[in-house]
C-alpha atoms as a PDB file:
ATOM      1  CA  MET A   1       3.745   1.920  -8.111  1.00  0.00           C
ATOM      2  CA  ASP A   2       4.551   0.087 -11.278  1.00  0.00           C
ATOM      3  CA  ALA A   3       2.149  -2.872 -10.904  1.00  0.00           C
ATOM      4  CA  ASP A   4      -1.264  -3.360  -9.314  1.00  0.00           C
ATOM      5  CA  ILE A   5      -1.271  -4.255  -5.611  1.00  0.00           C
ATOM      6  CA  LYS A   6      -3.763  -5.358  -3.018  1.00  0.00           C
ATOM      7  CA  TYR A   7      -3.463  -3.827   0.427  1.00  0.00           C
ATOM      8  CA  GLY A   8      -5.026  -4.234   3.832  1.00  0.00           C
ATOM      9  CA  ASN A   9      -4.412  -4.834   7.517  1.00  0.00           C
ATOM     10  CA  GLY A  10      -2.615  -8.182   7.401  1.00  0.00           C
ATOM     11  CA  ASP A  11      -5.663 -10.387   7.899  1.00  0.00           C
ATOM     12  CA  LEU A  12      -7.175  -9.218   4.602  1.00  0.00           C
ATOM     13  CA  GLN A  13      -5.594  -7.553   1.597  1.00  0.00           C
ATOM     14  CA  GLU A  14      -8.663  -7.021  -0.555  1.00  0.00           C
ATOM     15  CA  ALA A  15      -8.479  -3.317  -1.447  1.00  0.00           C
ATOM     16  CA  THR A  16      -6.860  -2.785  -4.849  1.00  0.00           C
ATOM     17  CA  ALA A  17      -4.599   0.041  -5.993  1.00  0.00           C
ATOM     18  CA  SER A  18      -3.745   0.263  -9.674  1.00  0.00           C
ATOM     19  CA  ALA A  19      -0.343   1.040 -11.142  1.00  0.00           C
ATOM     20  CA  ASN A  20       0.705   4.707 -10.972  1.00  0.00           C
ATOM     21  CA  SER A  21      -2.085   5.564  -8.541  1.00  0.00           C
ATOM     22  CA  VAL A  22      -1.716   7.674  -5.399  1.00  0.00           C
ATOM     23  CA  LEU A  23      -3.186   6.588  -2.074  1.00  0.00           C
ATOM     24  CA  THR A  24      -3.666   9.136   0.684  1.00  0.00           C
ATOM     25  CA  PHE A  25      -4.337   8.448   4.341  1.00  0.00           C
ATOM     26  CA  LYS A  26      -4.877  10.988   7.094  1.00  0.00           C
ATOM     27  CA  LYS A  27      -3.379   8.689   9.743  1.00  0.00           C
ATOM     28  CA  LEU A  28      -1.683   5.401   8.945  1.00  0.00           C
ATOM     29  CA  ASN A  29       0.395   3.120  11.110  1.00  0.00           C
ATOM     30  CA  LEU A  30       2.731   1.214   8.792  1.00  0.00           C
ATOM     31  CA  LYS A  31       2.881  -1.550  11.388  1.00  0.00           C
ATOM     32  CA  TYR A  32      -0.620  -2.565  10.242  1.00  0.00           C
ATOM     33  CA  PHE A  33      -0.312  -1.834   6.506  1.00  0.00           C
ATOM     34  CA  PHE A  34       0.375  -4.865   4.307  1.00  0.00           C
ATOM     35  CA  VAL A  35       0.593  -5.160   0.527  1.00  0.00           C
ATOM     36  CA  LYS A  36       0.831  -8.006  -1.953  1.00  0.00           C
ATOM     37  CA  ASN A  37       0.969  -8.267  -5.739  1.00  0.00           C
ATOM     38  CA  ALA A  38      -2.444  -8.255  -7.385  1.00  0.00           C
ATOM     39  CA  THR A  39      -1.294 -10.755 -10.006  1.00  0.00           C
ATOM     40  CA  ALA A  40       1.174 -13.591  -9.650  1.00  0.00           C
ATOM     41  CA  GLY A  41       4.552 -12.964 -11.226  1.00  0.00           C
ATOM     42  CA  SER A  42       4.480  -9.189 -11.013  1.00  0.00           C
ATOM     43  CA  ASN A  43       6.914  -7.370  -8.748  1.00  0.00           C
ATOM     44  CA  ALA A  44       5.333  -4.160  -7.548  1.00  0.00           C
ATOM     45  CA  LYS A  45       7.417  -1.293  -6.201  1.00  0.00           C
ATOM     46  CA  LEU A  46       5.791   0.983  -3.664  1.00  0.00           C
ATOM     47  CA  ALA A  47       7.030   4.434  -2.628  1.00  0.00           C
ATOM     48  CA  ILE A  48       5.869   5.785   0.725  1.00  0.00           C
ATOM     49  CA  VAL A  49       6.200   9.451   1.623  1.00  0.00           C
ATOM     50  CA  GLY A  50       4.918  10.655   4.946  1.00  0.00           C
ATOM     51  CA  THR A  51       5.207  13.015   7.831  1.00  0.00           C
ATOM     52  CA  MET A  52       5.461  12.241  11.513  1.00  0.00           C
ATOM     53  CA  GLU A  53       3.260  13.893  14.115  1.00  0.00           C
ATOM     54  CA  VAL A  54       5.304  15.683  16.767  1.00  0.00           C
ATOM     55  CA  LYS A  55       3.695  16.007  20.166  1.00  0.00           C
END
């Protein structure tokens, strides 16, 4: 990430991730993962790398 973001479940995006940080989640459904810029005017880029569980 190159700018601070706030993330959450869509109803709330109150958790903050700073620029160049790494977030890890054991299980995450991207359908319910929402992000927004922490400050107005910044355009954050977010890279997501993951694996898919095979049953």
